[in-house]
C-alpha atoms as a PDB file:
ATOM      1  CA  MET A   1      16.386  -1.343   7.002  1.00  0.00           C
ATOM      2  CA  THR A   2      16.462  -2.298   3.379  1.00  0.00           C
ATOM      3  CA  GLN A   3      13.024  -2.382   1.818  1.00  0.00           C
ATOM      4  CA  THR A   4      11.901  -5.059  -0.582  1.00  0.00           C
ATOM      5  CA  VAL A   5       9.945  -3.522  -3.447  1.00  0.00           C
ATOM      6  CA  ARG A   6       8.421  -4.862  -6.601  1.00  0.00           C
ATOM      7  CA  LEU A   7       7.974  -2.296  -9.318  1.00  0.00           C
ATOM      8  CA  LEU A   8       4.449  -1.054  -8.860  1.00  0.00           C
ATOM      9  CA  GLY A   9       1.865  -0.230 -11.448  1.00  0.00           C
ATOM     10  CA  ALA A  10       4.150  -0.529 -13.836  1.00  0.00           C
ATOM     11  CA  LEU A  11      -9.681 -25.967   2.404  1.00  0.00           C
ATOM     12  CA  LEU A  12     -12.829 -27.489   2.649  1.00  0.00           C
ATOM     13  CA  LEU A  13     -14.486 -24.151   3.445  1.00  0.00           C
ATOM     14  CA  GLY A  14     -16.170 -23.431   6.768  1.00  0.00           C
ATOM     15  CA  ALA A  15     -19.840 -24.074   6.237  1.00  0.00           C
ATOM     16  CA  VAL A  16     -20.718 -23.103   9.776  1.00  0.00           C
ATOM     17  CA  LEU A  17     -18.782 -19.854   9.620  1.00  0.00           C
ATOM     18  CA  PHE A  18     -20.688 -18.547   6.633  1.00  0.00           C
ATOM     19  CA  GLY A  19     -23.976 -20.347   7.141  1.00  0.00           C
ATOM     20  CA  CYS A  20     -23.626 -22.564   4.054  1.00  0.00           C
ATOM     21  CA  SER A  21     -25.791 -25.578   3.615  1.00  0.00           C
ATOM     22  CA  GLU A  22     -24.301 -29.073   3.858  1.00  0.00           C
ATOM     23  CA  GLN A  23     -24.745 -29.422   0.104  1.00  0.00           C
ATOM     24  CA  GLU A  24     -22.786 -26.210  -0.515  1.00  0.00           C
ATOM     25  CA  ALA A  25     -19.996 -27.294   1.816  1.00  0.00           C
ATOM     26  CA  ASN A  26     -19.548 -30.635   0.072  1.00  0.00           C
ATOM     27  CA  LEU A  27     -18.686 -29.949  -3.528  1.00  0.00           C
ATOM     28  CA  PRO A  28     -17.231 -33.180  -4.934  1.00  0.00           C
ATOM     29  CA  ASN A  29     -16.604 -31.861  -8.403  1.00  0.00           C
ATOM     30  CA  PRO A  30     -14.215 -28.884  -8.623  1.00  0.00           C
ATOM     31  CA  ALA A  31     -16.152 -27.697 -11.655  1.00  0.00           C
ATOM     32  CA  ASP A  32     -19.153 -27.197  -9.377  1.00  0.00           C
ATOM     33  CA  ARG A  33     -17.323 -24.985  -6.935  1.00  0.00           C
ATOM     34  CA  PRO A  34     -17.888 -21.222  -6.972  1.00  0.00           C
ATOM     35  CA  ALA A  35     -15.424 -19.447  -9.228  1.00  0.00           C
ATOM     36  CA  ALA A  36     -14.349 -17.301  -6.283  1.00  0.00           C
ATOM     37  CA  ILE A  37     -12.719 -20.275  -4.529  1.00  0.00           C
ATOM     38  CA  THR A  38     -11.306 -21.989  -7.635  1.00  0.00           C
ATOM     39  CA  PRO A  39      -7.676 -20.898  -8.195  1.00  0.00           C
ATOM     40  CA  SER A  40      -7.437 -19.403 -11.675  1.00  0.00           C
ATOM     41  CA  PRO A  41      -4.845 -17.307 -13.529  1.00  0.00           C
ATOM     42  CA  ARG A  42      -5.911 -14.133 -15.288  1.00  0.00           C
ATOM     43  CA  THR A  43      -7.570 -14.935 -18.620  1.00  0.00           C
ATOM     44  CA  VAL A  44      -9.319 -11.666 -19.490  1.00  0.00           C
ATOM     45  CA  GLU A  45      -7.553  -8.781 -21.223  1.00  0.00           C
ATOM     46  CA  TYR A  46      -8.240  -5.271 -19.968  1.00  0.00           C
ATOM     47  CA  GLU A  47      -7.011  -2.005 -21.448  1.00  0.00           C
ATOM     48  CA  TRP A  48      -5.444  -1.187 -18.105  1.00  0.00           C
ATOM     49  CA  MET A  49      -4.047  -4.686 -17.435  1.00  0.00           C
ATOM     50  CA  SER A  50      -3.117  -7.110 -20.185  1.00  0.00           C
ATOM     51  CA  ILE A  51      -2.537 -10.772 -19.478  1.00  0.00           C
ATOM     52  CA  GLU A  52       1.111 -10.239 -20.430  1.00  0.00           C
ATOM     53  CA  ARG A  53       1.407  -7.463 -17.846  1.00  0.00           C
ATOM     54  CA  TRP A  54      -0.313  -9.610 -15.221  1.00  0.00           C
ATOM     55  CA  ASN A  55       2.145 -12.442 -15.869  1.00  0.00           C
ATOM     56  CA  THR A  56       5.043 -10.004 -15.635  1.00  0.00           C
ATOM     57  CA  LEU A  57       3.879  -8.657 -12.279  1.00  0.00           C
ATOM     58  CA  HIS A  58       3.365 -12.180 -10.967  1.00  0.00           C
ATOM     59  CA  ALA A  59       6.846 -13.165 -12.122  1.00  0.00           C
ATOM     60  CA  GLU A  60       8.286 -10.170 -10.248  1.00  0.00           C
ATOM     61  CA  ASP A  61       6.479 -11.297  -7.099  1.00  0.00           C
ATOM     62  CA  VAL A  62       7.760 -14.853  -7.523  1.00  0.00           C
ATOM     63  CA  ALA A  63      11.325 -13.537  -7.757  1.00  0.00           C
ATOM     64  CA  ILE A  64      10.862 -11.574  -4.519  1.00  0.00           C
ATOM     65  CA  ALA A  65       9.282 -14.609  -2.866  1.00  0.00           C
ATOM     66  CA  GLU A  66      12.255 -16.756  -3.820  1.00  0.00           C
ATOM     67  CA  GLU A  67      14.585 -14.290  -2.117  1.00  0.00           C
ATOM     68  CA  GLY A  68      12.498 -14.239   1.072  1.00  0.00           C
ATOM     69  CA  ASP A  69      13.541 -11.693   3.711  1.00  0.00           C
ATOM     70  CA  VAL A  70      10.154  -9.958   4.044  1.00  0.00           C
ATOM     71  CA  ASP A  71       8.659  -8.966   7.399  1.00  0.00           C
ATOM     72  CA  LEU A  72       5.511  -7.295   6.137  1.00  0.00           C
ATOM     73  CA  LEU A  73       3.588  -8.460   3.074  1.00  0.00           C
ATOM     74  CA  PHE A  74       0.823  -6.482   1.386  1.00  0.00           C
ATOM     75  CA  ILE A  75      -1.297  -8.583  -0.936  1.00  0.00           C
ATOM     76  CA  GLY A  76      -4.446  -7.908  -2.931  1.00  0.00           C
ATOM     77  CA  ASP A  77      -5.705  -6.094  -6.021  1.00  0.00           C
ATOM     78  CA  SER A  78      -5.167  -2.647  -7.545  1.00  0.00           C
ATOM     79  CA  ILE A  79      -5.964  -0.815  -4.313  1.00  0.00           C
ATOM     80  CA  THR A  80      -3.007  -2.571  -2.727  1.00  0.00           C
ATOM     81  CA  GLU A  81      -0.890  -2.250  -5.866  1.00  0.00           C
ATOM     82  CA  GLY A  82      -1.532   1.490  -5.866  1.00  0.00           C
ATOM     83  CA  TRP A  83       0.272   2.236  -2.602  1.00  0.00           C
ATOM     84  CA  PRO A  84       2.706   5.097  -3.363  1.00  0.00           C
ATOM     85  CA  PRO A  85       6.166   3.655  -2.627  1.00  0.00           C
ATOM     86  CA  ALA A  86       7.276   6.856  -0.902  1.00  0.00           C
ATOM     87  CA  LEU A  87       4.274   6.683   1.386  1.00  0.00           C
ATOM     88  CA  MET A  88       4.969   3.043   2.226  1.00  0.00           C
ATOM     89  CA  GLU A  89       8.537   3.973   3.071  1.00  0.00           C
ATOM     90  CA  GLU A  90       7.301   6.829   5.252  1.00  0.00           C
ATOM     91  CA  TYR A  91       4.988   4.625   7.293  1.00  0.00           C
ATOM     92  CA  PHE A  92       6.584   1.174   7.035  1.00  0.00           C
ATOM     93  CA  GLY A  93      10.198   1.864   6.147  1.00  0.00           C
ATOM     94  CA  ASP A  94      11.443   0.375   9.414  1.00  0.00           C
ATOM     95  CA  TYR A  95      10.506  -3.074   8.110  1.00  0.00           C
ATOM     96  CA  GLN A  96      11.330  -5.262   5.155  1.00  0.00           C
ATOM     97  CA  TRP A  97       8.126  -4.965   3.143  1.00  0.00           C
ATOM     98  CA  ALA A  98       6.848  -6.209  -0.190  1.00  0.00           C
ATOM     99  CA  ASN A  99       3.757  -5.288  -2.181  1.00  0.00           C
ATOM    100  CA  PHE A 100       2.046  -8.179  -4.029  1.00  0.00           C
ATOM    101  CA  GLY A 101      -1.005  -6.224  -5.211  1.00  0.00           C
ATOM    102  CA  ILE A 102      -2.034  -6.708  -8.840  1.00  0.00           C
ATOM    103  CA  GLY A 103      -4.761  -4.642 -10.455  1.00  0.00           C
ATOM    104  CA  GLY A 104      -7.985  -6.423 -11.354  1.00  0.00           C
ATOM    105  CA  ASP A 105      -7.316  -9.498  -9.257  1.00  0.00           C
ATOM    106  CA  LYS A 106     -10.209 -11.435  -7.803  1.00  0.00           C
ATOM    107  CA  THR A 107     -10.007 -13.979  -5.001  1.00  0.00           C
ATOM    108  CA  GLU A 108      -9.483 -16.828  -7.465  1.00  0.00           C
ATOM    109  CA  ASN A 109      -6.580 -15.019  -9.151  1.00  0.00           C
ATOM    110  CA  LEU A 110      -4.908 -14.388  -5.809  1.00  0.00           C
ATOM    111  CA  LEU A 111      -5.373 -18.037  -4.838  1.00  0.00           C
ATOM    112  CA  TRP A 112      -3.679 -19.074  -8.075  1.00  0.00           C
ATOM    113  CA  ARG A 113      -0.762 -16.736  -7.459  1.00  0.00           C
ATOM    114  CA  LEU A 114      -0.243 -18.108  -3.954  1.00  0.00           C
ATOM    115  CA  ASN A 115      -0.331 -21.652  -5.309  1.00  0.00           C
ATOM    116  CA  ASN A 116       2.089 -20.838  -8.127  1.00  0.00           C
ATOM    117  CA  GLY A 117       5.189 -19.238  -6.696  1.00  0.00           C
ATOM    118  CA  ALA A 118       4.078 -16.182  -4.718  1.00  0.00           C
ATOM    119  CA  VAL A 119       4.816 -17.941  -1.434  1.00  0.00           C
ATOM    120  CA  GLY A 120       8.326 -19.129  -2.205  1.00  0.00           C
ATOM    121  CA  ASN A 121      10.676 -18.681   0.739  1.00  0.00           C
ATOM    122  CA  LEU A 122       8.711 -15.894   2.368  1.00  0.00           C
ATOM    123  CA  ASP A 123       8.194 -16.008   6.122  1.00  0.00           C
ATOM    124  CA  PRO A 124       6.478 -12.704   6.939  1.00  0.00           C
ATOM    125  CA  GLN A 125       5.404 -11.790  10.431  1.00  0.00           C
ATOM    126  CA  ALA A 126       2.459  -9.704   9.207  1.00  0.00           C
ATOM    127  CA  VAL A 127       0.242  -9.843   6.125  1.00  0.00           C
ATOM    128  CA  SER A 128      -2.203  -7.176   4.966  1.00  0.00           C
ATOM    129  CA  LEU A 129      -4.990  -8.644   2.817  1.00  0.00           C
ATOM    130  CA  LEU A 130      -7.540  -6.634   0.839  1.00  0.00           C
ATOM    131  CA  ILE A 131      -9.407  -8.551  -1.869  1.00  0.00           C
ATOM    132  CA  GLY A 132     -12.933  -9.064  -3.173  1.00  0.00           C
ATOM    133  CA  VAL A 133     -14.192  -5.879  -4.792  1.00  0.00           C
ATOM    134  CA  ASN A 134     -13.350  -7.088  -8.309  1.00  0.00           C
ATOM    135  CA  ASN A 135     -15.374 -10.238  -7.768  1.00  0.00           C
ATOM    136  CA  LEU A 136     -18.345  -7.899  -7.538  1.00  0.00           C
ATOM    137  CA  GLY A 137     -17.432  -5.295 -10.119  1.00  0.00           C
ATOM    138  CA  LEU A 138     -15.891  -7.504 -12.808  1.00  0.00           C
ATOM    139  CA  SER A 139     -17.631 -10.850 -12.380  1.00  0.00           C
ATOM    140  CA  GLN A 140     -20.847 -10.100 -10.475  1.00  0.00           C
ATOM    141  CA  HIS A 141     -20.162 -12.855  -7.959  1.00  0.00           C
ATOM    142  CA  SER A 142     -22.617 -13.050  -5.096  1.00  0.00           C
ATOM    143  CA  PRO A 143     -21.560 -11.628  -1.723  1.00  0.00           C
ATOM    144  CA  ASP A 144     -21.701 -15.123  -0.253  1.00  0.00           C
ATOM    145  CA  ASP A 145     -19.308 -16.450  -2.887  1.00  0.00           C
ATOM    146  CA  VAL A 146     -16.962 -13.507  -2.451  1.00  0.00           C
ATOM    147  CA  ALA A 147     -16.872 -14.124   1.305  1.00  0.00           C
ATOM    148  CA  LEU A 148     -16.026 -17.766   0.655  1.00  0.00           C
ATOM    149  CA  GLY A 149     -13.259 -16.627  -1.688  1.00  0.00           C
ATOM    150  CA  VAL A 150     -11.776 -14.349   0.962  1.00  0.00           C
ATOM    151  CA  GLN A 151     -11.926 -17.194   3.464  1.00  0.00           C
ATOM    152  CA  ALA A 152     -10.114 -19.480   1.023  1.00  0.00           C
ATOM    153  CA  VAL A 153      -7.345 -16.889   0.633  1.00  0.00           C
ATOM    154  CA  VAL A 154      -7.018 -16.528   4.396  1.00  0.00           C
ATOM    155  CA  GLU A 155      -6.768 -20.289   4.870  1.00  0.00           C
ATOM    156  CA  THR A 156      -4.103 -20.428   2.179  1.00  0.00           C
ATOM    157  CA  LEU A 157      -2.138 -17.617   3.839  1.00  0.00           C
ATOM    158  CA  LEU A 158      -2.332 -19.293   7.235  1.00  0.00           C
ATOM    159  CA  ASP A 159      -0.945 -22.493   5.805  1.00  0.00           C
ATOM    160  CA  ALA A 160       1.721 -20.762   3.711  1.00  0.00           C
ATOM    161  CA  PHE A 161       2.958 -18.397   6.430  1.00  0.00           C
ATOM    162  CA  PRO A 162       2.785 -20.211   9.788  1.00  0.00           C
ATOM    163  CA  ASN A 163       4.523 -17.387  11.664  1.00  0.00           C
ATOM    164  CA  ALA A 164       2.366 -14.573  10.290  1.00  0.00           C
ATOM    165  CA  ARG A 165      -0.570 -12.709  11.668  1.00  0.00           C
ATOM    166  CA  ILE A 166      -3.107 -11.971   8.941  1.00  0.00           C
ATOM    167  CA  LEU A 167      -4.938  -8.636   8.891  1.00  0.00           C
ATOM    168  CA  VAL A 168      -8.084  -9.087   6.818  1.00  0.00           C
ATOM    169  CA  HIS A 169      -9.551  -5.813   5.616  1.00  0.00           C
ATOM    170  CA  GLY A 170     -13.212  -5.276   5.114  1.00  0.00           C
ATOM    171  CA  VAL A 171     -13.839  -4.593   1.430  1.00  0.00           C
ATOM    172  CA  PHE A 172     -13.720  -0.840   0.968  1.00  0.00           C
ATOM    173  CA  PRO A 173     -16.951   0.918  -0.028  1.00  0.00           C
ATOM    174  CA  TYR A 174     -17.096   1.950  -3.647  1.00  0.00           C
ATOM    175  CA  ARG A 175     -19.342   3.968  -5.985  1.00  0.00           C
ATOM    176  CA  GLU A 176     -20.332   7.452  -5.022  1.00  0.00           C
ATOM    177  CA  SER A 177     -23.807   7.082  -3.547  1.00  0.00           C
ATOM    178  CA  PRO A 178     -24.553   5.311  -0.254  1.00  0.00           C
ATOM    179  CA  ASP A 179     -27.758   4.078  -1.913  1.00  0.00           C
ATOM    180  CA  ASP A 180     -25.918   2.247  -4.689  1.00  0.00           C
ATOM    181  CA  PRO A 181     -26.664  -1.525  -4.485  1.00  0.00           C
ATOM    182  CA  ALA A 182     -22.920  -2.181  -4.499  1.00  0.00           C
ATOM    183  CA  ARG A 183     -22.683  -0.655  -1.041  1.00  0.00           C
ATOM    184  CA  ASP A 184     -25.060  -3.250   0.382  1.00  0.00           C
ATOM    185  CA  GLN A 185     -23.130  -6.049  -1.322  1.00  0.00           C
ATOM    186  CA  VAL A 186     -19.963  -4.808   0.372  1.00  0.00           C
ATOM    187  CA  ARG A 187     -21.722  -4.770   3.736  1.00  0.00           C
ATOM    188  CA  GLN A 188     -22.923  -8.339   3.193  1.00  0.00           C
ATOM    189  CA  ILE A 189     -19.390  -9.512   2.439  1.00  0.00           C
ATOM    190  CA  ASN A 190     -17.914  -7.694   5.407  1.00  0.00           C
ATOM    191  CA  ARG A 191     -20.444  -9.068   7.866  1.00  0.00           C
ATOM    192  CA  GLN A 192     -19.289 -12.556   6.896  1.00  0.00           C
ATOM    193  CA  ILE A 193     -15.535 -12.088   6.662  1.00  0.00           C
ATOM    194  CA  ALA A 194     -15.490 -10.306  10.040  1.00  0.00           C
ATOM    195  CA  ASN A 195     -16.068 -13.789  11.482  1.00  0.00           C
ATOM    196  CA  LEU A 196     -12.687 -14.903  10.198  1.00  0.00           C
ATOM    197  CA  ALA A 197     -11.145 -13.080  13.143  1.00  0.00           C
ATOM    198  CA  SER A 198     -12.290 -15.957  15.336  1.00  0.00           C
ATOM    199  CA  GLU A 199      -9.474 -18.000  13.804  1.00  0.00           C
ATOM    200  CA  GLU A 200      -6.074 -17.972  15.490  1.00  0.00           C
ATOM    201  CA  ARG A 201      -3.684 -15.423  13.965  1.00  0.00           C
ATOM    202  CA  VAL A 202      -6.464 -13.732  11.939  1.00  0.00           C
ATOM    203  CA  PHE A 203      -7.563 -10.177  12.680  1.00  0.00           C
ATOM    204  CA  TYR A 204     -10.197  -8.018  10.996  1.00  0.00           C
ATOM    205  CA  LEU A 205     -10.115  -4.295  10.249  1.00  0.00           C
ATOM    206  CA  ASN A 206     -12.845  -2.313   8.511  1.00  0.00           C
ATOM    207  CA  ILE A 207     -11.978   1.339   7.830  1.00  0.00           C
ATOM    208  CA  GLY A 208     -14.863   1.896   5.413  1.00  0.00           C
ATOM    209  CA  ASP A 209     -16.514   4.528   7.599  1.00  0.00           C
ATOM    210  CA  GLN A 210     -13.330   6.608   7.449  1.00  0.00           C
ATOM    211  CA  LEU A 211     -13.378   6.637   3.643  1.00  0.00           C
ATOM    212  CA  VAL A 212     -16.857   8.148   3.229  1.00  0.00           C
ATOM    213  CA  GLU A 213     -18.446  11.470   4.090  1.00  0.00           C
ATOM    214  CA  GLU A 214     -20.863  11.857   6.995  1.00  0.00           C
ATOM    215  CA  ASP A 215     -23.781  11.346   4.618  1.00  0.00           C
ATOM    216  CA  GLY A 216     -22.199   8.199   3.177  1.00  0.00           C
ATOM    217  CA  HIS A 217     -21.101   9.649  -0.153  1.00  0.00           C
ATOM    218  CA  ILE A 218     -17.552   9.052  -1.343  1.00  0.00           C
ATOM    219  CA  SER A 219     -15.558  12.196  -2.012  1.00  0.00           C
ATOM    220  CA  THR A 220     -13.240  12.397  -4.996  1.00  0.00           C
ATOM    221  CA  ASP A 221     -10.694  13.765  -2.520  1.00  0.00           C
ATOM    222  CA  ILE A 222     -10.479  10.256  -1.047  1.00  0.00           C
ATOM    223  CA  MET A 223     -11.361   8.136  -4.088  1.00  0.00           C
ATOM    224  CA  PRO A 224     -11.032  10.077  -7.352  1.00  0.00           C
ATOM    225  CA  ASP A 225     -12.935   7.396  -9.295  1.00  0.00           C
ATOM    226  CA  HIS A 226     -15.032   6.261  -6.291  1.00  0.00           C
ATOM    227  CA  LEU A 227     -12.967   3.066  -6.110  1.00  0.00           C
ATOM    228  CA  HIS A 228      -9.211   3.731  -5.943  1.00  0.00           C
ATOM    229  CA  LEU A 229      -7.605   5.758  -3.197  1.00  0.00           C
ATOM    230  CA  SER A 230      -5.946   9.139  -3.502  1.00  0.00           C
ATOM    231  CA  GLU A 231      -2.831   9.895  -1.454  1.00  0.00           C
ATOM    232  CA  GLN A 232      -5.150  11.265   1.217  1.00  0.00           C
ATOM    233  CA  GLY A 233      -7.010   7.957   1.200  1.00  0.00           C
ATOM    234  CA  TYR A 234      -3.779   5.996   1.509  1.00  0.00           C
ATOM    235  CA  ARG A 235      -2.747   8.171   4.455  1.00  0.00           C
ATOM    236  CA  ILE A 236      -5.998   7.286   6.212  1.00  0.00           C
ATOM    237  CA  TRP A 237      -5.288   3.607   5.571  1.00  0.00           C
ATOM    238  CA  ALA A 238      -1.646   3.877   6.617  1.00  0.00           C
ATOM    239  CA  GLY A 239      -2.572   5.700   9.816  1.00  0.00           C
ATOM    240  CA  ASN A 240      -4.698   2.732  10.813  1.00  0.00           C
ATOM    241  CA  LEU A 241      -2.092   0.152   9.872  1.00  0.00           C
ATOM    242  CA  GLN A 242       1.017   1.714  11.345  1.00  0.00           C
ATOM    243  CA  PRO A 243       0.244   1.114  15.051  1.00  0.00           C
ATOM    244  CA  ILE A 244      -1.007  -2.413  14.372  1.00  0.00           C
ATOM    245  CA  PHE A 245       2.083  -3.475  12.486  1.00  0.00           C
ATOM    246  CA  ALA A 246       4.382  -1.669  14.906  1.00  0.00           C
ATOM    247  CA  ASP A 247       2.859  -3.756  17.691  1.00  0.00           C
ATOM    248  CA  TRP A 248       3.140  -6.996  15.741  1.00  0.00           C
ATOM    249  CA  LEU A 249       6.608  -6.480  14.315  1.00  0.00           C
ATOM    250  CA  GLU A 250       8.332  -4.956  17.311  1.00  0.00           C
ATOM    251  CA  GLU A 251       7.367  -7.579  19.872  1.00  0.00           C
END
C-alpha cells in the first residue's frame, strides 16, 4: 500500500483519575491552568529546532491531514520524529502511515497542533502517542502537570479521531544513571498515565524496561545521548508495536 510520509527531521481534566483536588480541577481562568494543558505554539528558538522549522513541519502535517487517507498515525516529539523511514516501511509498510512527531514538542505544543490543522480530514484506526519528556527536560514541569498534559492530549485525540484506538506510551527513561532524579519523575508520570487505559479505546504500553540494562543504566547502543533512540532502540520499539497494530488494523 502507498505510505503517507512527511519529510522527517528535515476537557475539564479528570480530577479523580489523577488525584487532583477540587480546586485544581476547577480552574476558571485559563491563565491559571498548568502550562502543560494550555495549547501553545512553539515560541522558543533552539539551535536544533528554530520556530521557522517548527512552523514548516507543522504545515507539512496540516497538508497531510487535509489529504486524509491515513490508517496509522504516529504523533509526539523528537523520539517519534526520529523514526527511520526505512524502518517504518519495514514494520508498518502494509498500512497507510504518517509521522507527526516534531522535535522539542511538549504536551501544550502538541495540543496546539491538534487544534490548528493537524487533525484535518484524518480518520486513523490507530494512533501511537509518545509525549511528555520535554515538559520535564525543557520546562521543568512537575510530573503531575505532565500527566495532566498527556491526559489532555489523549482526550483531544479521542474527540478528533472517533474511530481510532489510542496507544499511550509510558514516557521513556532518559539520562544514563538509574539514580538520576529524572528517572523517578518519569516513573511518577507513568504511574498516572497508565490509568488512562481505563478509558474506552485507550491502551497503555510501557517498554522502558526494555530500553535499559539489567542494572538500570542506559546504554549508548540503545540511546546514544541517553534520550534519543538508535536504530537498535527503534527496532525494540517497533517489535512491540507491530503485533498490536497488526491486530488493530487487520480486524
